[in-house]
Amino acid sequence: MLRQRLDQRQVQKLILAPALQQAIKLLPLTNLELLEVIDAEISENPMIELEEMTGKGTTDEGADERDIDGRKKAEEILENLSRQAQESGSVDDEEADFESSFQDYLDDGFRVPFLEKREPLSLENMVSTSPSLWDHLNWQASLTFFEAEDREIAHYIIGNIDEDGYLSSTVEEIAGHCRTTQAKINEIREKIKMFDPVGSGSLDLSEVLLAQMDHLQIKDESTRTIVTQHLPLLEKSDYSQLAKLMNVPLSEVKYHIDIIKSLDPAPGRKYSQEKTSYAVPDIIVAKEGDELRVSLNDEGLPRLRLSLYYKKLLAKAAHDNPEAFRFLKDKMKKALWFLRSLDQRNQTIYKVATYIVNKQKDFLEKGIDYIKPLTLMEIAQEIGVHESTVGRVVANKYIMTPQGVYSLKYFFHKSLQGDYGEEISSLKIKEKIKKIVETEDKNNPLSDIEIGDILAKENLKIARRTVAKYRNQLKILPSHIRKRKSIMEGIS
């Protein structure tokens, strides 16, 4: 029999304080993303304001002192005001306990390292959005099909074209939906295939290549035969078998393949909406003498401070307006939490970056042969944080070093054991495989087993399947395909 009852039970739970939750959310953000969060916080919280420039190249008088001691003074203000308000009976006992509950988040040494004033965005740097593949095709369809029925069918066909330019639905399905014949669909589709980009609306690669050959008026029958009948051999680079089936020498096969290579197998990518992603370094490493100096890139980030005006309002409201006092004190609390979270984010990123630089000092000075294996757990134990915290720090972050700009994730990779028990980075092994393939005899390329033997002579013993895995990650073709390509490239 089911029965309801009330019980008291003692359990342990992990509860994240609001300041910790906010700090965790800020950790994985890049500088551009952080700027958006700062703008949103400023718009919502009147207690936070930008440190404006006054005059020519000078800041407001006393700004540096307020920035250094701002949190300490804010704490003192809140303590005094709460004590005064409690004595006068303006607020209740619960509000008077604010300081004790917030004490853990206060740090007298706090200083937000944002040094630059943001400049407004220039309208000259803003560009309009380029048309999508479907917009471009629909525009051409409206100029080609004048009958309402044909134009409607064309728009439906275009709507079923994927990003590469291929038709994702069958002709039979489209004919059934449009309540017309397959012949009618193919008639309209043939016209769409001649739109820019040529080949859009094709069902397969063969159709795409043939449409482009028709557009370029390439009448070579042997090339068309390869496209229509022998694409599988072409994909495997089996040129000898292709020459045998067509009963022509390899030199002629090479001529036809060069024609096919000039065509575009994915015409829709011409109007891809993918944006180029530029890496903006969050950490900068500069060499000063024999040392590497680590600094955070705060370019473009604003310098923040607590608003003096609203602190005065808070002092006034403590005596004559309890409701306003509660509101402003809550905003002050959130402002301190936010500034503390920003400081904690910067300190954690700096600690992680400093450890990486110290660990990889030889790599940053001498190159890839000196890179060392590194794991998230190793850094977490060293700087005294959880492994997931380090994972959040390295997400989407880039570091500019004397060796170039790298993602922080680049430095985290597995290690392998050498003959003498030393740890060897997998990145170092990949680089050696790449160099071995680059210097091999192109007419007699090395197999995975032979590459493994060469590595073993350099104290790098790894299994053949590991060589194959790293080779695939480097996008290096198998030896038999490399040999076929080399033979074709050597034919004049």
Protein backbone atom coordinates (compact mmCIF):
# COMPACT_ATOMS: atom_id res chain seq x y z
CA MET A 1 0.00 0.00 0.00
CA LEU A 2 1.35 3.39 -1.04
CA ARG A 3 1.45 6.05 1.63
CA GLN A 4 2.64 9.70 1.70
CA ARG A 5 4.74 10.94 4.60
CA LEU A 6 7.25 13.63 5.53
CA ASP A 7 10.83 12.64 6.38
CA GLN A 8 14.01 14.46 7.27
CA ARG A 9 17.07 13.05 5.60
CA GLN A 10 20.70 14.17 5.77
CA VAL A 11 22.43 14.06 2.39
CA GLN A 12 25.53 15.60 0.82
CA LYS A 13 25.09 17.69 -2.32
CA LEU A 14 27.47 19.69 -4.47
CA ILE A 15 26.00 23.16 -4.89
CA LEU A 16 27.72 25.64 -7.18
CA ALA A 17 27.70 29.17 -5.82
CA PRO A 18 26.45 31.85 -8.27
CA ALA A 19 29.92 33.37 -8.65
CA LEU A 20 31.40 29.94 -9.47
CA GLN A 21 28.65 29.24 -12.01
CA GLN A 22 29.37 32.55 -13.70
CA ALA A 23 33.12 31.94 -13.71
CA ILE A 24 32.60 28.53 -15.33
CA LYS A 25 30.47 30.08 -18.08
CA LEU A 26 33.15 32.69 -18.82
CA LEU A 27 36.07 30.25 -19.04
CA PRO A 28 35.47 28.81 -22.54
CA LEU A 29 34.64 32.19 -24.13
CA THR A 30 36.96 33.82 -26.65
CA ASN A 31 37.69 37.55 -26.43
CA LEU A 32 34.99 38.37 -28.99
CA GLU A 33 32.42 36.27 -27.14
CA LEU A 34 33.50 37.78 -23.83
CA LEU A 35 33.00 41.26 -25.26
CA GLU A 36 29.35 40.41 -26.00
CA VAL A 37 28.85 39.16 -22.43
CA ILE A 38 30.41 42.33 -21.02
CA ASP A 39 28.14 44.51 -23.18
CA ALA A 40 25.09 42.56 -22.01
CA GLU A 41 26.13 42.85 -18.35
CA ILE A 42 26.70 46.60 -18.66
CA SER A 43 23.28 47.08 -20.23
CA GLU A 44 21.58 45.11 -17.43
CA ASN A 45 23.55 46.28 -14.39
CA PRO A 46 23.85 50.04 -13.73
CA MET A 47 26.53 49.39 -11.10
CA ILE A 48 29.05 48.51 -13.85
CA GLU A 49 30.29 51.15 -16.23
CA LEU A 50 33.08 51.70 -18.73
CA GLU A 51 36.01 53.78 -17.68
CA GLU A 52 35.60 56.63 -20.15
CA MET A 53 38.43 58.71 -21.54
CA THR A 54 38.37 62.40 -20.63
CA GLY A 55 40.45 64.89 -22.51
CA LYS A 56 43.23 63.90 -24.87
CA GLY A 57 44.79 60.61 -23.92
CA THR A 58 44.02 60.92 -20.20
CA THR A 59 41.59 59.06 -18.02
CA ASP A 60 39.21 60.46 -15.46
CA GLU A 61 41.07 61.81 -12.41
CA GLY A 62 41.59 59.12 -9.79
CA ALA A 63 40.43 56.32 -12.11
CA ASP A 64 43.43 54.08 -11.47
CA GLU A 65 43.06 54.38 -7.71
CA ARG A 66 39.37 53.59 -7.88
CA ASP A 67 40.08 50.59 -10.11
CA ILE A 68 42.64 49.16 -7.68
CA ASP A 69 40.64 49.73 -4.50
CA GLY A 70 37.15 49.62 -6.00
CA ARG A 71 36.09 46.26 -4.59
CA LYS A 72 37.52 46.97 -1.14
CA LYS A 73 35.68 50.29 -0.98
CA ALA A 74 32.50 48.66 -2.28
CA GLU A 75 32.73 46.08 0.50
CA GLU A 76 33.18 48.79 3.11
CA ILE A 77 30.25 50.77 1.71
CA LEU A 78 27.96 47.75 1.84
CA GLU A 79 29.02 46.93 5.40
CA ASN A 80 28.47 50.49 6.64
CA LEU A 81 25.19 50.97 4.82
CA SER A 82 23.76 47.66 5.98
CA ARG A 83 24.77 48.41 9.57
CA GLN A 84 23.22 51.87 9.42
CA ALA A 85 20.06 50.56 7.75
CA GLN A 86 19.70 47.83 10.35
CA GLU A 87 20.09 50.33 13.21
CA SER A 88 17.47 52.61 11.70
CA GLY A 89 15.12 49.69 10.97
CA SER A 90 15.08 50.36 7.21
CA VAL A 91 15.92 46.74 6.30
CA ASP A 92 15.41 43.39 7.95
CA ASP A 93 17.94 41.04 9.53
CA GLU A 94 18.14 38.86 6.43
CA GLU A 95 19.42 41.73 4.32
CA ALA A 96 21.96 42.60 7.01
CA ASP A 97 23.64 39.21 6.54
CA PHE A 98 24.59 40.02 2.94
CA GLU A 99 28.25 40.71 3.66
CA SER A 100 28.91 37.46 5.50
CA SER A 101 27.44 35.39 2.67
CA PHE A 102 29.48 37.27 0.07
CA GLN A 103 32.76 37.39 1.99
CA ASP A 104 34.20 34.32 0.24
CA TYR A 105 34.15 36.07 -3.13
CA LEU A 106 36.02 39.22 -2.08
CA ASP A 107 39.68 39.72 -2.92
CA ASP A 108 41.51 42.92 -2.08
CA GLY A 109 44.11 42.27 -4.76
CA PHE A 110 41.56 42.30 -7.56
CA ARG A 111 42.24 44.34 -10.67
CA VAL A 112 40.59 43.88 -14.06
CA PRO A 113 43.37 43.92 -16.66
CA PHE A 114 41.36 45.64 -19.40
CA LEU A 115 43.43 48.52 -20.68
CA GLU A 116 41.94 49.76 -23.93
CA LYS A 117 38.90 51.82 -24.72
CA ARG A 118 36.70 50.26 -27.38
CA GLU A 119 36.20 52.18 -30.58
CA PRO A 120 32.87 52.17 -32.42
CA LEU A 121 32.57 49.79 -35.36
CA SER A 122 33.28 51.37 -38.72
CA LEU A 123 30.46 51.09 -41.23
CA GLU A 124 33.10 50.77 -43.95
CA ASN A 125 34.09 47.36 -42.55
CA MET A 126 30.57 45.95 -42.80
CA VAL A 127 29.74 43.95 -45.92
CA SER A 128 26.42 42.66 -47.15
CA THR A 129 25.58 38.96 -47.06
CA SER A 130 26.37 37.10 -50.28
CA PRO A 131 23.45 35.34 -51.98
CA SER A 132 22.94 31.67 -51.18
CA LEU A 133 23.02 28.93 -53.81
CA TRP A 134 19.23 28.61 -53.70
CA ASP A 135 18.63 32.37 -53.99
CA HIS A 136 20.95 32.51 -56.99
CA LEU A 137 19.28 29.55 -58.72
CA ASN A 138 15.75 30.82 -58.01
CA TRP A 139 16.66 34.21 -59.45
CA GLN A 140 17.82 32.52 -62.68
CA ALA A 141 14.69 30.36 -62.74
CA SER A 142 12.47 33.44 -62.56
CA LEU A 143 14.21 34.77 -65.69
CA THR A 144 14.04 31.42 -67.54
CA PHE A 145 10.61 29.89 -66.84
CA PHE A 146 7.67 32.12 -67.72
CA GLU A 147 4.90 29.57 -67.33
CA ALA A 148 3.63 29.49 -63.74
CA GLU A 149 3.61 25.67 -63.65
CA ASP A 150 7.18 25.39 -64.94
CA ARG A 151 8.40 28.05 -62.54
CA GLU A 152 6.76 26.29 -59.59
CA ILE A 153 8.36 22.95 -60.57
CA ALA A 154 11.76 24.66 -60.97
CA HIS A 155 11.50 26.24 -57.51
CA TYR A 156 10.63 22.86 -56.00
CA ILE A 157 13.60 21.19 -57.72
CA ILE A 158 15.93 23.95 -56.53
CA GLY A 159 14.59 23.57 -53.00
CA ASN A 160 15.74 19.94 -53.03
CA ILE A 161 19.32 20.73 -54.08
CA ASP A 162 21.92 20.26 -51.35
CA GLU A 163 24.89 22.49 -50.54
CA ASP A 164 27.15 20.66 -53.02
CA GLY A 165 24.68 21.25 -55.84
CA TYR A 166 23.26 17.72 -56.06
CA LEU A 167 19.56 16.85 -56.16
CA SER A 168 18.69 15.15 -52.87
CA SER A 169 15.34 13.72 -54.06
CA THR A 170 14.68 11.32 -56.93
CA VAL A 171 12.98 12.41 -60.13
CA GLU A 172 10.13 10.04 -59.34
CA GLU A 173 9.51 11.65 -55.92
CA ILE A 174 9.54 15.16 -57.39
CA ALA A 175 7.19 14.14 -60.21
CA GLY A 176 4.76 12.65 -57.68
CA HIS A 177 4.78 15.76 -55.51
CA CYS A 178 4.36 18.14 -58.47
CA ARG A 179 1.74 15.86 -60.11
CA THR A 180 3.50 15.75 -63.45
CA THR A 181 5.56 13.33 -65.51
CA GLN A 182 9.18 12.38 -64.96
CA ALA A 183 9.91 13.55 -68.50
CA LYS A 184 8.68 17.04 -67.56
CA ILE A 185 10.87 17.08 -64.45
CA ASN A 186 13.94 16.02 -66.43
CA GLU A 187 13.19 18.66 -69.09
CA ILE A 188 13.21 21.44 -66.48
CA ARG A 189 16.16 19.89 -64.65
CA GLU A 190 18.28 19.94 -67.83
CA LYS A 191 17.79 23.72 -68.03
CA ILE A 192 18.63 24.14 -64.34
CA LYS A 193 21.86 22.19 -64.84
CA MET A 194 22.97 24.92 -67.28
CA PHE A 195 22.41 27.64 -64.66
CA ASP A 196 25.34 29.11 -62.77
CA PRO A 197 26.95 27.13 -61.15
CA VAL A 198 26.84 24.63 -64.00
CA GLY A 199 25.82 21.14 -62.93
CA SER A 200 23.44 22.13 -60.13
CA GLY A 201 20.49 19.75 -59.87
CA SER A 202 22.43 16.70 -61.05
CA LEU A 203 21.74 13.29 -59.50
CA ASP A 204 25.36 12.08 -59.38
CA LEU A 205 28.96 13.00 -60.14
CA SER A 206 28.73 11.71 -63.70
CA GLU A 207 25.85 14.10 -64.48
CA VAL A 208 27.72 17.05 -62.95
CA LEU A 209 30.86 16.44 -65.02
CA LEU A 210 28.91 15.83 -68.24
CA ALA A 211 26.90 19.05 -67.76
CA GLN A 212 30.11 21.05 -67.34
CA MET A 213 31.66 19.38 -70.39
CA ASP A 214 28.57 20.31 -72.43
CA HIS A 215 28.78 23.88 -71.17
CA LEU A 216 32.49 24.07 -72.12
CA GLN A 217 31.75 22.30 -75.42
CA ILE A 218 34.20 19.46 -74.69
CA LYS A 219 33.37 16.83 -77.31
CA ASP A 220 36.11 14.33 -76.51
CA GLU A 221 34.38 10.94 -76.56
CA SER A 222 37.09 9.11 -74.60
CA THR A 223 36.81 11.60 -71.74
CA ARG A 224 33.04 11.21 -71.73
CA THR A 225 33.45 7.42 -71.68
CA ILE A 226 35.66 7.63 -68.58
CA VAL A 227 33.07 9.87 -66.88
CA THR A 228 30.09 7.66 -67.74
CA GLN A 229 31.61 4.18 -67.33
CA HIS A 230 34.91 4.20 -65.43
CA LEU A 231 34.64 6.65 -62.53
CA PRO A 232 35.20 3.85 -59.93
CA LEU A 233 38.62 3.11 -61.48
CA LEU A 234 39.40 6.81 -61.48
CA GLU A 235 38.53 7.07 -57.78
CA LYS A 236 40.97 4.22 -57.01
CA SER A 237 43.66 5.75 -59.28
CA ASP A 238 43.82 2.44 -61.14
CA TYR A 239 45.18 4.03 -64.32
CA SER A 240 46.71 0.86 -65.74
CA GLN A 241 43.39 -0.98 -65.70
CA LEU A 242 41.70 2.10 -67.16
CA ALA A 243 44.20 2.20 -70.03
CA LYS A 244 43.70 -1.52 -70.63
CA LEU A 245 39.91 -1.28 -70.78
CA MET A 246 40.02 1.69 -73.14
CA ASN A 247 42.85 0.17 -75.18
CA VAL A 248 44.92 3.36 -75.10
CA PRO A 249 48.40 4.20 -73.72
CA LEU A 250 48.83 5.71 -70.24
CA SER A 251 49.87 9.03 -71.76
CA GLU A 252 46.46 9.38 -73.40
CA VAL A 253 44.69 8.40 -70.17
CA LYS A 254 46.64 11.16 -68.42
CA TYR A 255 45.41 13.67 -71.02
CA HIS A 256 41.76 12.74 -70.38
CA ILE A 257 42.23 12.79 -66.60
CA ASP A 258 43.70 16.29 -66.78
CA ILE A 259 40.52 17.42 -68.53
CA ILE A 260 38.36 15.85 -65.81
CA LYS A 261 40.48 17.45 -63.08
CA SER A 262 39.68 20.88 -64.52
CA LEU A 263 35.97 20.34 -63.76
CA ASP A 264 34.21 21.06 -60.44
CA PRO A 265 32.74 17.97 -58.70
CA ALA A 266 30.86 20.12 -56.14
CA PRO A 267 29.52 23.18 -58.01
CA GLY A 268 27.31 24.31 -55.13
CA ARG A 269 30.32 25.07 -52.92
CA LYS A 270 30.87 28.18 -55.03
CA TYR A 271 28.01 29.80 -53.12
CA SER A 272 28.70 28.21 -49.75
CA GLN A 273 27.57 30.28 -46.78
CA GLU A 274 30.44 29.06 -44.64
CA LYS A 275 32.40 31.97 -43.21
CA THR A 276 36.14 32.08 -42.95
CA SER A 277 37.15 31.76 -39.32
CA TYR A 278 40.14 33.89 -38.33
CA ALA A 279 42.20 32.87 -35.32
CA VAL A 280 42.59 35.76 -32.88
CA PRO A 281 45.18 34.83 -30.22
CA ASP A 282 43.93 35.02 -26.62
CA ILE A 283 47.46 34.56 -25.25
CA ILE A 284 50.69 36.12 -26.50
CA VAL A 285 54.12 34.63 -25.87
CA ALA A 286 57.11 36.91 -26.51
CA LYS A 287 60.78 36.09 -26.12
CA GLU A 288 62.66 38.52 -23.90
CA GLY A 289 66.30 37.58 -23.62
CA ASP A 290 66.43 33.93 -22.61
CA GLU A 291 62.93 33.92 -21.15
CA LEU A 292 59.47 33.52 -22.67
CA ARG A 293 56.97 36.05 -21.32
CA VAL A 294 53.28 35.12 -21.23
CA SER A 295 50.57 37.79 -21.40
CA LEU A 296 46.85 37.82 -22.07
CA ASN A 297 45.63 39.59 -25.18
CA ASP A 298 43.16 42.18 -23.87
CA GLU A 299 43.06 44.23 -27.07
CA GLY A 300 39.56 45.53 -27.69
CA LEU A 301 38.25 44.64 -24.23
CA PRO A 302 36.92 47.54 -22.13
CA ARG A 303 38.16 48.64 -18.74
CA LEU A 304 35.39 48.33 -16.16
CA ARG A 305 34.68 50.00 -12.82
CA LEU A 306 31.88 50.36 -10.30
CA SER A 307 29.66 53.37 -10.88
CA LEU A 308 30.31 56.19 -8.37
CA TYR A 309 26.89 57.70 -9.10
CA TYR A 310 24.99 54.53 -8.20
CA LYS A 311 27.15 53.96 -5.13
CA LYS A 312 26.00 57.38 -3.92
CA LEU A 313 22.40 56.41 -4.67
CA LEU A 314 22.92 53.24 -2.66
CA ALA A 315 24.15 55.28 0.34
CA LYS A 316 21.17 57.61 0.10
CA ALA A 317 18.62 54.80 -0.32
CA ALA A 318 19.86 53.08 2.86
CA HIS A 319 18.19 55.79 4.96
CA ASP A 320 15.01 56.72 3.14
CA ASN A 321 14.10 54.02 0.58
CA PRO A 322 14.40 50.35 1.72
CA GLU A 323 13.07 48.97 -1.57
CA ALA A 324 15.59 50.93 -3.65
CA PHE A 325 18.31 49.93 -1.19
CA ARG A 326 17.59 46.21 -1.71
CA PHE A 327 17.55 46.64 -5.50
CA LEU A 328 20.82 48.58 -5.66
CA LYS A 329 22.54 46.30 -3.17
CA ASP A 330 21.58 43.28 -5.27
CA LYS A 331 23.04 44.98 -8.35
CA MET A 332 26.22 45.79 -6.42
CA LYS A 333 26.48 42.16 -5.38
CA LYS A 334 26.08 40.95 -8.97
CA ALA A 335 28.59 43.53 -10.21
CA LEU A 336 31.20 42.29 -7.73
CA TRP A 337 30.46 38.70 -8.72
CA PHE A 338 30.92 39.56 -12.40
CA LEU A 339 34.19 41.43 -11.88
CA ARG A 340 35.48 38.63 -9.66
CA SER A 341 34.54 36.07 -12.32
CA LEU A 342 36.42 38.02 -14.98
CA ASP A 343 39.47 38.13 -12.76
CA GLN A 344 39.22 34.40 -12.00
CA ARG A 345 38.92 33.62 -15.73
CA ASN A 346 42.04 35.61 -16.55
CA GLN A 347 44.03 34.07 -13.70
CA THR A 348 43.09 30.52 -14.74
CA ILE A 349 43.90 31.12 -18.42
CA TYR A 350 47.23 32.68 -17.43
CA LYS A 351 48.14 29.73 -15.19
CA VAL A 352 47.30 27.19 -17.91
CA ALA A 353 49.17 29.14 -20.60
CA THR A 354 52.21 29.62 -18.35
CA TYR A 355 52.42 25.90 -17.61
CA ILE A 356 52.12 25.02 -21.31
CA VAL A 357 54.87 27.50 -22.24
CA ASN A 358 57.20 26.22 -19.52
CA LYS A 359 56.55 22.60 -20.52
CA GLN A 360 57.02 23.29 -24.25
CA LYS A 361 59.87 25.80 -24.00
CA ASP A 362 62.18 23.66 -26.15
CA PHE A 363 59.48 23.31 -28.82
CA LEU A 364 58.80 27.07 -28.87
CA GLU A 365 62.51 27.77 -29.30
CA LYS A 366 63.73 24.85 -31.46
CA GLY A 367 60.75 23.34 -33.31
CA ILE A 368 58.51 20.27 -33.58
CA ASP A 369 61.25 17.73 -32.82
CA TYR A 370 61.31 18.96 -29.21
CA ILE A 371 57.57 18.94 -28.44
CA LYS A 372 56.57 16.98 -25.34
CA PRO A 373 53.37 15.04 -24.62
CA LEU A 374 50.86 16.80 -22.38
CA THR A 375 47.46 15.94 -20.87
CA LEU A 376 44.65 17.90 -19.25
CA MET A 377 45.08 15.90 -16.04
CA GLU A 378 48.75 16.89 -15.76
CA ILE A 379 47.96 20.62 -15.86
CA ALA A 380 44.93 20.23 -13.59
CA GLN A 381 47.05 18.59 -10.89
CA GLU A 382 49.82 21.14 -11.26
CA ILE A 383 47.68 24.31 -10.92
CA GLY A 384 45.15 22.81 -8.50
CA VAL A 385 41.93 22.81 -10.55
CA HIS A 386 39.62 20.15 -11.95
CA GLU A 387 40.42 18.55 -15.30
CA SER A 388 37.15 19.88 -16.76
CA THR A 389 38.26 23.44 -15.87
CA VAL A 390 41.39 23.04 -17.97
CA GLY A 391 39.22 21.62 -20.76
CA ARG A 392 37.07 24.76 -20.70
CA VAL A 393 40.14 26.99 -20.75
CA VAL A 394 41.69 25.40 -23.85
CA ALA A 395 38.40 25.33 -25.79
CA ASN A 396 38.41 27.85 -28.67
CA LYS A 397 41.58 29.54 -27.41
CA TYR A 398 44.64 30.38 -29.51
CA ILE A 399 48.18 31.27 -28.47
CA MET A 400 50.67 33.31 -30.50
CA THR A 401 54.21 32.02 -30.08
CA PRO A 402 57.61 32.49 -31.77
CA GLN A 403 56.75 29.32 -33.74
CA GLY A 404 53.39 30.69 -34.96
CA VAL A 405 49.76 30.76 -33.84
CA TYR A 406 48.41 27.50 -32.39
CA SER A 407 45.19 26.32 -30.85
CA LEU A 408 45.74 25.43 -27.17
CA LYS A 409 44.34 21.99 -27.99
CA TYR A 410 47.34 21.45 -30.28
CA PHE A 411 49.59 20.89 -27.25
CA PHE A 412 47.47 18.07 -25.80
CA HIS A 413 48.24 14.71 -27.33
CA LYS A 414 49.15 11.15 -26.39
CA SER A 415 52.62 9.92 -25.61
CA LEU A 416 54.45 6.79 -26.72
CA GLN A 417 57.32 5.03 -24.97
CA GLY A 418 60.79 5.01 -26.48
CA ASP A 419 63.31 2.19 -26.12
CA TYR A 420 64.72 3.79 -22.98
CA GLY A 421 61.36 4.49 -21.31
CA GLU A 422 61.18 8.16 -22.29
CA GLU A 423 57.86 9.70 -23.36
CA ILE A 424 57.60 10.71 -27.03
CA SER A 425 54.88 12.96 -28.43
CA SER A 426 52.55 11.57 -31.10
CA LEU A 427 52.89 14.91 -32.92
CA LYS A 428 56.61 14.32 -33.26
CA ILE A 429 55.98 10.89 -34.77
CA LYS A 430 53.43 12.30 -37.23
CA GLU A 431 55.92 14.94 -38.32
CA LYS A 432 58.59 12.27 -38.89
CA ILE A 433 56.14 10.17 -40.96
CA LYS A 434 55.36 13.24 -43.05
CA LYS A 435 59.05 13.93 -43.68
CA ILE A 436 59.75 10.27 -44.52
CA VAL A 437 57.01 10.26 -47.16
CA GLU A 438 58.17 13.60 -48.59
CA THR A 439 61.71 12.29 -49.12
CA GLU A 440 60.85 8.77 -50.33
CA ASP A 441 61.46 7.49 -53.85
CA LYS A 442 58.25 8.49 -55.63
CA ASN A 443 58.50 5.53 -58.01
CA ASN A 444 58.89 3.09 -55.10
CA PRO A 445 56.95 4.59 -52.17
CA LEU A 446 57.36 3.13 -48.71
CA SER A 447 54.73 0.85 -47.22
CA ASP A 448 53.47 1.28 -43.66
CA ILE A 449 55.71 -1.58 -42.51
CA GLU A 450 58.77 0.04 -44.09
CA ILE A 451 57.93 3.40 -42.50
CA GLY A 452 57.61 1.62 -39.15
CA ASP A 453 61.08 0.05 -39.64
CA ILE A 454 62.62 3.46 -40.34
CA LEU A 455 61.03 4.88 -37.20
CA ALA A 456 62.27 1.91 -35.16
CA LYS A 457 65.85 2.77 -36.14
CA GLU A 458 65.26 6.20 -34.59
CA ASN A 459 64.10 4.71 -31.28
CA LEU A 460 60.41 5.08 -32.24
CA LYS A 461 58.89 1.60 -32.26
CA ILE A 462 55.21 1.68 -33.24
CA ALA A 463 52.89 -0.91 -34.77
CA ARG A 464 52.00 -0.94 -38.48
CA ARG A 465 48.36 -0.14 -37.70
CA THR A 466 49.52 2.92 -35.73
CA VAL A 467 51.56 4.09 -38.72
CA ALA A 468 48.48 3.62 -40.90
CA LYS A 469 46.33 5.58 -38.44
CA TYR A 470 48.75 8.50 -38.29
CA ARG A 471 49.19 8.42 -42.09
CA ASN A 472 45.43 8.66 -42.56
CA GLN A 473 45.25 11.54 -40.08
CA LEU A 474 47.91 13.31 -42.14
CA LYS A 475 45.79 12.61 -45.27
CA ILE A 476 48.63 10.69 -46.92
CA LEU A 477 47.49 8.09 -49.45
CA PRO A 478 48.52 4.39 -49.24
CA SER A 479 51.75 3.43 -50.98
CA HIS A 480 50.11 1.69 -53.97
CA ILE A 481 48.00 4.78 -54.79
CA ARG A 482 51.01 7.08 -54.32
CA LYS A 483 52.90 4.90 -56.79
CA ARG A 484 50.11 5.08 -59.39
CA LYS A 485 49.95 8.86 -59.10
CA SER A 486 53.72 9.11 -59.39
CA ILE A 487 53.70 7.03 -62.60
CA MET A 488 51.03 9.27 -64.13
CA GLU A 489 52.86 12.46 -63.13
CA GLY A 490 56.04 11.11 -64.75
CA ILE A 491 54.31 10.56 -68.11
CA SER A 492 54.77 13.47 -70.47
